[in-house]
Protein backbone atom coordinates (compact mmCIF):
# COMPACT_ATOMS: atom_id res chain seq x y z
CA MET A 1 -0.02 -0.09 0.33
CA ASN A 2 0.83 3.58 -0.09
CA VAL A 3 1.44 5.32 2.75
CA LEU A 4 1.95 9.37 3.54
CA LEU A 5 3.41 10.04 7.21
CA ILE A 6 3.01 13.08 8.47
CA GLY A 7 5.69 15.37 10.30
CA SER A 8 9.71 16.00 10.01
CA GLY A 9 11.47 15.25 13.28
CA GLY A 10 13.34 12.10 14.76
CA ARG A 11 9.95 10.57 15.61
CA GLU A 12 9.09 10.58 11.94
CA HIS A 13 12.82 9.46 10.28
CA ALA A 14 12.42 6.39 13.21
CA LEU A 15 8.64 5.87 12.20
CA ALA A 16 9.85 5.74 8.32
CA TRP A 17 12.82 3.53 8.86
CA ALA A 18 10.16 0.88 10.37
CA LEU A 19 7.50 1.54 7.91
CA ALA A 20 10.09 1.09 4.99
CA LYS A 21 11.17 -2.63 5.89
CA SER A 22 7.46 -3.83 5.84
CA PRO A 23 6.34 -5.85 2.69
CA VAL A 24 2.63 -4.54 2.92
CA LEU A 25 4.29 -1.03 1.91
CA ASN A 26 4.23 0.07 -1.62
CA ARG A 27 5.26 3.73 -1.53
CA LEU A 28 6.21 5.80 1.14
CA PHE A 29 5.77 9.48 1.46
CA VAL A 30 6.98 12.08 4.23
CA ALA A 31 5.28 15.40 4.45
CA PRO A 32 7.72 17.42 4.77
CA GLY A 33 10.09 15.05 6.12
CA ASN A 34 14.20 15.64 6.79
CA ALA A 35 17.50 14.73 5.29
CA GLY A 36 16.97 11.18 7.32
CA THR A 37 13.58 10.53 5.64
CA GLU A 38 14.83 11.62 1.86
CA GLU A 39 16.88 8.67 2.06
CA LEU A 40 13.83 5.71 2.51
CA ALA A 41 10.84 7.59 1.07
CA GLN A 42 9.59 10.54 -1.04
CA ASN A 43 9.63 13.94 0.76
CA VAL A 44 6.83 16.07 -0.58
CA THR A 45 5.93 19.50 0.61
CA LEU A 46 2.70 19.79 2.24
CA ASP A 47 0.88 22.32 4.11
CA VAL A 48 -0.77 20.03 6.60
CA SER A 49 -2.86 22.66 8.21
CA ASP A 50 -4.42 22.76 4.71
CA HIS A 51 -7.03 19.64 5.75
CA ASP A 52 -8.49 19.53 1.93
CA ALA A 53 -4.76 19.86 0.27
CA VAL A 54 -3.77 17.11 2.36
CA VAL A 55 -6.65 14.92 1.24
CA ASP A 56 -6.32 16.11 -2.49
CA PHE A 57 -2.66 14.76 -2.23
CA CYS A 58 -3.93 11.41 -0.53
CA GLU A 59 -6.66 10.85 -3.84
CA GLU A 60 -3.58 11.90 -6.12
CA ASN A 61 -1.36 9.75 -5.19
CA ALA A 62 -3.77 6.79 -4.01
CA ILE A 63 -2.62 7.07 -0.12
CA SER A 64 -4.44 3.83 1.29
CA PHE A 65 -3.23 4.67 5.16
CA VAL A 66 -2.12 7.88 6.62
CA VAL A 67 0.14 8.44 9.98
CA VAL A 68 0.19 11.00 11.46
CA GLY A 69 3.47 11.72 13.57
CA PRO A 70 3.23 14.99 15.43
CA GLU A 71 0.49 16.20 17.85
CA VAL A 72 -0.35 19.65 16.74
CA PRO A 73 -2.47 18.44 13.67
CA LEU A 74 -4.45 15.61 15.55
CA VAL A 75 -5.58 18.44 18.07
CA ASP A 76 -6.36 20.32 14.47
CA GLY A 77 -8.26 17.59 13.66
CA LEU A 78 -6.61 16.19 10.67
CA ALA A 79 -7.91 12.82 11.22
CA ASP A 80 -11.25 13.65 11.41
CA THR A 81 -10.96 15.50 7.94
CA LEU A 82 -8.89 12.21 6.33
CA GLU A 83 -11.62 9.55 8.14
CA ALA A 84 -14.46 11.58 6.65
CA ALA A 85 -12.65 11.36 3.30
CA ASN A 86 -12.72 7.62 4.03
CA ILE A 87 -8.66 7.76 4.13
CA ARG A 88 -7.76 4.97 7.03
CA THR A 89 -5.45 7.32 9.53
CA PHE A 90 -3.09 6.07 12.40
CA GLY A 91 -3.84 9.05 14.93
CA PRO A 92 -6.78 10.09 16.87
CA SER A 93 -9.93 12.05 16.35
CA GLN A 94 -10.04 16.07 17.86
CA ALA A 95 -12.13 15.04 20.54
CA ALA A 96 -10.08 12.41 21.56
CA ALA A 97 -6.66 14.10 21.09
CA ARG A 98 -8.19 16.72 23.45
CA LEU A 99 -6.05 14.21 26.03
CA GLU A 100 -2.82 16.06 24.90
CA GLY A 101 -4.58 19.31 23.52
CA SER A 102 -5.68 19.97 27.16
CA LYS A 103 -4.57 19.40 30.48
CA ALA A 104 -7.54 20.41 32.59
CA PHE A 105 -9.28 17.77 30.06
CA THR A 106 -7.45 14.96 31.17
CA LYS A 107 -7.42 15.95 34.77
CA GLU A 108 -11.06 16.15 34.39
CA MET A 109 -11.00 12.64 32.50
CA CYS A 110 -8.93 11.34 35.51
CA MET A 111 -11.54 12.43 38.43
CA ARG A 112 -14.17 10.54 36.48
CA ALA A 113 -12.30 7.48 35.87
CA GLY A 114 -10.65 7.58 38.86
CA VAL A 115 -7.02 7.68 37.21
CA PRO A 116 -4.39 8.00 39.95
CA THR A 117 -2.70 11.39 39.12
CA ALA A 118 -1.50 14.25 41.32
CA ALA A 119 -3.86 16.81 42.91
CA TYR A 120 -4.68 19.90 40.78
CA GLY A 121 -6.11 23.32 40.60
CA ARG A 122 -7.14 24.79 37.16
CA PHE A 123 -7.15 28.82 36.65
CA ASP A 124 -7.89 31.31 33.79
CA THR A 125 -6.37 34.44 36.01
CA ALA A 126 -3.10 34.99 37.42
CA GLU A 127 -4.22 36.23 40.39
CA ALA A 128 -6.34 33.35 41.31
CA ALA A 129 -3.28 30.67 40.33
CA LYS A 130 -0.35 32.55 42.69
CA SER A 131 -3.44 32.62 45.12
CA TYR A 132 -3.27 29.10 45.12
CA VAL A 133 0.36 28.41 44.61
CA LYS A 134 0.67 30.70 48.38
CA THR A 135 -1.64 28.33 49.65
CA GLN A 136 -0.22 25.07 48.67
CA GLY A 137 3.49 25.75 48.74
CA ALA A 138 6.75 24.74 47.06
CA PRO A 139 7.74 22.29 44.86
CA ILE A 140 4.75 22.63 42.97
CA VAL A 141 4.34 22.37 39.07
CA ILE A 142 2.98 24.90 36.77
CA LYS A 143 1.60 23.65 33.70
CA ALA A 144 0.13 25.87 30.45
CA ASP A 145 -3.05 24.10 29.79
CA GLY A 146 -2.27 23.70 26.18
CA LEU A 147 0.17 22.56 23.64
CA ALA A 148 3.26 24.14 24.18
CA ALA A 149 5.91 21.90 22.36
CA GLY A 150 7.34 20.31 25.73
CA LYS A 151 8.26 23.94 27.29
CA GLY A 152 5.25 24.42 28.85
CA VAL A 153 5.88 22.88 32.33
CA THR A 154 7.75 24.25 34.99
CA ILE A 155 8.46 22.29 38.18
CA ALA A 156 9.16 24.81 40.81
CA GLN A 157 11.07 24.32 43.71
CA THR A 158 10.50 27.44 45.04
CA GLU A 159 7.08 30.02 45.65
CA ALA A 160 8.87 32.87 43.65
CA GLU A 161 9.74 30.46 40.44
CA ALA A 162 6.09 29.16 40.72
CA LEU A 163 4.75 32.71 40.70
CA ARG A 164 7.31 33.57 37.77
CA ALA A 165 5.71 30.83 35.80
CA ILE A 166 2.25 31.79 36.09
CA ASP A 167 3.57 35.24 34.39
CA GLU A 168 5.07 33.78 31.73
CA CYS A 169 1.73 31.57 30.96
CA PHE A 170 -0.57 34.90 31.30
CA ASP A 171 2.18 36.81 29.87
CA GLY A 172 1.37 35.53 26.62
CA THR A 173 5.26 33.24 26.30
CA PHE A 174 3.37 29.98 25.40
CA GLY A 175 0.47 31.76 23.06
CA ALA A 176 -2.92 30.70 23.49
CA ALA A 177 -1.75 27.48 25.57
CA GLY A 178 -1.11 29.34 28.23
CA ALA A 179 -4.57 31.19 28.29
CA GLU A 180 -5.44 28.86 31.45
CA VAL A 181 -2.62 26.86 33.73
CA VAL A 182 -3.32 23.70 35.50
CA ILE A 183 -1.29 23.62 39.08
CA GLU A 184 -0.61 20.23 40.01
CA GLU A 185 1.21 18.94 43.69
CA PHE A 186 4.73 17.87 43.17
CA LEU A 187 5.04 14.36 43.01
CA GLU A 188 8.52 12.09 44.44
CA GLY A 189 9.74 9.29 42.53
CA GLU A 190 10.95 8.02 39.50
CA GLU A 191 9.07 8.55 35.99
CA ALA A 192 8.76 6.19 32.88
CA SER A 193 7.08 6.58 29.29
CA PHE A 194 4.25 3.70 28.92
CA PHE A 195 3.15 3.35 25.40
CA VAL A 196 -0.04 1.39 24.31
CA LEU A 197 -1.56 1.29 20.87
CA SER A 198 -5.65 1.36 21.07
CA ASP A 199 -8.36 0.45 18.53
CA GLY A 200 -11.06 2.84 20.80
CA GLU A 201 -11.81 -0.26 23.06
CA ASN A 202 -8.81 -2.66 23.19
CA ALA A 203 -5.52 -1.51 24.60
CA LEU A 204 -1.96 -2.96 23.61
CA PRO A 205 0.63 -2.34 25.84
CA LEU A 206 4.16 -1.81 23.92
CA ALA A 207 7.61 -1.23 25.03
CA THR A 208 8.13 1.04 27.93
CA ALA A 209 10.90 3.93 27.92
CA GLN A 210 12.35 6.73 29.82
CA ASP A 211 13.56 9.84 28.57
CA HIS A 212 16.04 12.88 30.47
CA LYS A 213 13.99 15.90 29.49
CA ARG A 214 16.81 18.35 31.13
CA ALA A 215 19.43 20.12 28.93
CA PHE A 216 22.79 18.71 30.59
CA ASP A 217 24.16 16.36 32.35
CA ASN A 218 22.63 15.31 35.75
CA ASP A 219 19.53 16.10 34.75
CA THR A 220 20.40 19.98 35.38
CA GLY A 221 19.51 22.82 33.27
CA PRO A 222 15.83 24.03 31.40
CA ASN A 223 13.63 21.26 30.02
CA THR A 224 13.47 20.30 26.85
CA GLY A 225 11.71 18.09 24.29
CA GLY A 226 14.02 15.38 25.29
CA MET A 227 17.48 14.86 24.99
CA GLY A 228 17.49 11.40 25.12
CA ALA A 229 15.87 8.03 25.96
CA TYR A 230 16.25 4.42 26.94
CA SER A 231 14.31 1.04 26.68
CA PRO A 232 13.24 -0.98 28.30
CA ALA A 233 12.40 1.48 31.65
CA PRO A 234 13.54 -1.09 34.55
CA VAL A 235 10.85 0.75 36.95
CA MET A 236 8.60 -0.93 34.51
CA THR A 237 8.45 -4.34 35.85
CA GLU A 238 5.67 -6.80 34.76
CA GLU A 239 3.77 -6.39 38.34
CA MET A 240 4.12 -2.52 37.70
CA VAL A 241 2.88 -2.63 33.90
CA GLU A 242 0.05 -4.91 34.99
CA ARG A 243 -1.32 -1.94 37.30
CA VAL A 244 -0.57 1.18 34.98
CA MET A 245 -2.81 -1.37 32.45
CA THR A 246 -5.57 -1.96 35.28
CA GLN A 247 -5.13 1.00 37.22
CA ILE A 248 -4.82 4.11 34.45
CA ILE A 249 -4.91 2.84 30.71
CA LYS A 250 -8.02 0.73 30.73
CA PRO A 251 -10.41 3.01 32.92
CA THR A 252 -9.14 6.12 30.14
CA ILE A 253 -10.06 3.91 27.22
CA LYS A 254 -13.32 3.14 28.44
CA ASP A 255 -14.39 6.47 29.65
CA MET A 256 -13.20 7.98 26.36
CA LYS A 257 -15.49 5.61 24.78
CA ASP A 258 -17.88 6.18 27.19
CA GLN A 259 -17.77 9.84 26.49
CA GLY A 260 -18.25 9.60 22.76
CA CYS A 261 -15.04 10.12 21.64
CA PRO A 262 -12.99 6.84 21.62
CA PHE A 263 -9.19 6.99 21.14
CA LYS A 264 -7.25 5.11 18.45
CA GLY A 265 -3.83 5.44 17.82
CA VAL A 266 -0.94 5.18 20.13
CA LEU A 267 -1.51 6.53 23.79
CA TYR A 268 1.74 7.61 25.88
CA ALA A 269 1.18 8.04 29.47
CA GLY A 270 3.72 9.69 31.45
CA LEU A 271 4.14 8.25 34.66
CA MET A 272 5.61 8.80 37.81
CA ILE A 273 6.15 5.33 39.85
CA THR A 274 5.54 7.07 43.71
CA SER A 275 5.43 5.05 46.80
CA ASP A 276 2.18 4.94 46.52
CA GLY A 277 2.09 3.12 42.96
CA PRO A 278 1.58 4.44 39.53
CA LYS A 279 0.26 8.05 38.98
CA LEU A 280 -0.57 9.93 35.76
CA ILE A 281 1.75 12.77 35.01
CA GLU A 282 0.25 13.34 31.49
CA TYR A 283 -1.06 12.14 28.42
CA ASN A 284 0.19 12.26 24.56
CA VAL A 285 -1.47 11.30 21.63
CA ARG A 286 1.22 10.37 19.60
CA PHE A 287 4.46 8.65 20.08
CA GLY A 288 7.40 10.14 22.30
CA ASP A 289 10.06 11.95 20.75
CA PRO A 290 12.84 10.83 21.38
CA GLU A 291 11.21 7.52 23.07
CA CYS A 292 9.65 6.43 19.47
CA GLN A 293 13.43 6.11 18.60
CA VAL A 294 14.22 3.04 20.93
CA LEU A 295 10.74 1.69 20.55
CA MET A 296 11.27 1.50 16.69
CA MET A 297 14.78 0.08 17.62
CA ARG A 298 13.56 -2.89 19.62
CA LEU A 299 10.10 -3.66 17.88
CA LYS A 300 10.83 -7.17 15.91
CA SER A 301 6.86 -7.22 14.50
CA ASP A 302 6.01 -5.28 11.03
CA VAL A 303 4.86 -1.89 12.74
CA LEU A 304 2.42 -1.36 9.52
CA PRO A 305 0.07 -3.87 10.58
CA ALA A 306 -0.10 -2.80 14.24
CA LEU A 307 -1.02 0.77 13.36
CA LEU A 308 -3.55 -0.08 10.75
CA ALA A 309 -5.47 -2.30 13.42
CA CYS A 310 -5.90 0.86 15.29
CA SER A 311 -7.38 2.22 12.66
CA GLU A 312 -9.65 -1.32 11.78
CA GLY A 313 -10.61 -1.79 14.99
CA ILE A 314 -8.85 -5.47 15.15
CA LEU A 315 -6.16 -4.87 17.99
CA ASP A 316 -7.11 -7.41 20.00
CA ASP A 317 -6.23 -10.12 17.27
CA LEU A 318 -2.76 -8.62 16.90
CA GLU A 319 0.62 -9.11 19.20
CA THR A 320 3.85 -7.37 19.00
CA GLU A 321 7.27 -9.09 19.46
CA TRP A 322 10.08 -7.44 21.05
CA THR A 323 14.02 -7.50 21.16
CA ASP A 324 15.53 -8.32 24.72
CA GLU A 325 17.78 -6.26 23.29
CA PRO A 326 17.76 -2.77 25.53
CA ALA A 327 18.72 0.55 23.58
CA VAL A 328 19.31 4.06 23.86
CA THR A 329 19.21 7.14 21.86
CA VAL A 330 21.57 10.58 22.23
CA VAL A 331 20.33 14.00 21.27
CA MET A 332 22.57 15.92 19.21
CA ALA A 333 21.42 19.23 19.76
CA ALA A 334 22.55 22.91 18.53
CA ASN A 335 24.36 25.05 21.02
CA GLY A 336 22.13 27.04 22.70
CA TYR A 337 19.03 24.89 22.86
CA PRO A 338 16.02 25.38 23.97
CA GLY A 339 17.31 29.00 23.85
CA SER A 340 18.15 30.83 20.88
CA TYR A 341 20.45 28.60 17.95
CA GLU A 342 22.28 29.03 14.79
CA ARG A 343 20.54 27.26 11.91
CA GLY A 344 22.35 26.00 9.00
CA THR A 345 25.91 24.96 10.44
CA VAL A 346 27.35 21.86 8.40
CA ILE A 347 27.01 18.16 9.79
CA LYS A 348 29.85 15.65 8.90
CA GLY A 349 30.88 12.02 9.68
CA LEU A 350 27.66 10.64 9.43
CA ALA A 351 28.45 7.78 7.39
CA ALA A 352 31.58 6.87 9.67
CA ALA A 353 29.44 6.98 12.44
CA ALA A 354 26.85 4.73 11.65
CA GLU A 355 29.13 1.74 10.55
CA ASP A 356 27.99 -0.23 13.54
CA PRO A 357 25.19 -2.60 12.69
CA ASP A 358 23.54 -1.90 15.76
CA VAL A 359 23.64 2.24 15.16
CA GLU A 360 21.04 4.11 13.38
CA ILE A 361 21.31 7.90 13.65
CA PHE A 362 17.62 9.32 12.86
CA HIS A 363 17.60 12.83 11.78
CA ALA A 364 15.40 15.20 13.99
CA GLY A 365 16.17 18.58 12.67
CA THR A 366 18.13 18.37 9.30
CA LYS A 367 18.53 19.72 5.84
CA LEU A 368 20.42 18.79 2.33
CA VAL A 369 21.84 22.36 1.46
CA ASP A 370 24.01 21.81 -1.94
CA GLY A 371 24.48 18.69 -1.23
CA ALA A 372 25.92 19.00 2.94
CA LEU A 373 24.36 18.46 5.58
CA THR A 374 23.23 20.99 7.78
CA ALA A 375 20.93 21.82 11.24
CA ALA A 376 17.38 23.11 10.53
CA GLY A 377 16.28 22.88 14.03
CA GLY A 378 16.99 22.66 17.78
CA ARG A 379 17.60 18.78 18.22
CA VAL A 380 18.82 17.59 15.31
CA LEU A 381 20.21 14.19 15.44
CA ASN A 382 19.51 11.21 17.36
CA VAL A 383 22.11 9.07 17.90
CA THR A 384 20.49 5.09 18.37
CA ALA A 385 22.08 1.93 19.35
CA ARG A 386 20.70 -1.02 20.81
CA GLY A 387 23.60 -3.59 22.87
CA LYS A 388 23.16 -6.34 25.19
CA THR A 389 23.00 -3.99 28.18
CA VAL A 390 22.03 -0.64 28.58
CA SER A 391 26.07 0.24 29.15
CA ASP A 392 26.48 -2.13 25.98
CA ALA A 393 23.77 0.63 24.39
CA GLN A 394 25.44 3.49 25.56
CA ALA A 395 28.68 2.94 25.02
CA LYS A 396 28.08 2.02 21.13
CA ALA A 397 25.88 5.40 20.90
CA TYR A 398 28.39 7.59 22.41
CA ALA A 399 31.26 5.89 20.37
CA ALA A 400 29.41 6.81 17.19
CA ILE A 401 29.13 10.23 18.61
CA LYS A 402 32.69 10.64 18.96
CA LYS A 403 32.97 9.99 15.19
CA ILE A 404 30.55 12.88 14.17
CA ASP A 405 31.78 16.40 12.90
CA TRP A 406 29.76 19.00 14.35
CA PRO A 407 31.45 21.83 16.87
CA GLU A 408 28.53 23.36 16.65
CA GLY A 409 26.42 20.74 18.55
CA PHE A 410 26.13 19.46 22.05
CA ASN A 411 24.80 16.37 23.56
CA ARG A 412 24.63 15.01 27.80
CA THR A 413 27.06 12.33 28.49
CA ASP A 414 24.97 10.35 30.85
CA ILE A 415 21.78 9.19 29.24
CA GLY A 416 20.93 5.65 30.79
CA TRP A 417 22.61 6.68 33.83
CA ARG A 418 19.73 5.31 36.36
CA ALA A 419 19.53 1.76 34.24
CA ILE A 420 22.98 1.51 34.70
CA GLU A 421 23.17 2.47 38.12
CA ARG A 422 20.66 -0.91 38.41
CA GLU A 423 22.82 -2.68 36.35
CA GLN A 424 26.45 -2.15 38.50
CA GLN A 425 24.46 -2.55 41.76
CA GLY A 426 23.28 -6.06 40.06
């Protein structure tokens, strides 16, 4: 079949890499893609905010399945438009995508469905939000209600930091996303990323992962879209996976169906594993980035039928197979990220870096300019490796990074440290 993949980041390159291996695939198009996807598929210039243009492209190119990578087109209702045109789509409806598009919507769903989550307040004025912080104290978590590209969350260690974060939201730093804020209690524990596929009724657990949000080593510096990830997450034991499915995922899938907006696609639960058990921090309605990269490195099954099953409502007939070998991905970002950074710098040495068969380099923000590979974003490359242990995978990823010639980039040097600490403790 002909498939259109929407998106341009590392997640989309990883999905394109997995899709390209499917015997079911005829042609793969990526809109807009990047320099990495160009090696696997045909990149196309398409305004995905123009839903009619996307439908026209699908009809002109006999596209029978669309995979929507990022969250913005989903929250914007692209899946609804495609399904209305009888084009099968991987990704939830606009109504179901509110699980990511509005943190307040998700909190209300948790209350209805009895999903364990942090206590919270919801506010549409800075004055009321600040008053709540003053009564609750710090540490406390401030979240812009809407989509803020992974940057609308402040884990405030002091009351003053929390008040500044509230001002940022209401002063327009995050645009319309900050028109309301959700303020949550600070949860102690270990974070994990948990992914399931859903066809609106059934939920199929995928592999687990952990990502590193802070920009610098030792989990310091500003929050980012993610500086690296590894899979599996050691904290997600079989027992913990079962608890998450029973207490968090299944009640969510049931509630969304009961509310008339069944969730179809991939549901990404950001979890905090506390002393009281798992609690939901947030939902995303797409594969994580960079978690998708380590998931695709570990997936042995054909990804295309799995994604199709979500759209067709036949997920209960499906099983996925994973390698036991862990995977690690390290993000190489432009100096200055997540603040201002230079674009257009030249990157060399990728062929040598990818010589190890256990290493894949997924492009996140790259562009070919006159035959030269250049940086075109903040997060630029995802150097991903598989190994017998997390330590082994990490060593392979960093060995590959040493061969990359890009002075204008930086990366963390400690991705996977929690899992490696566990390995060393035996």
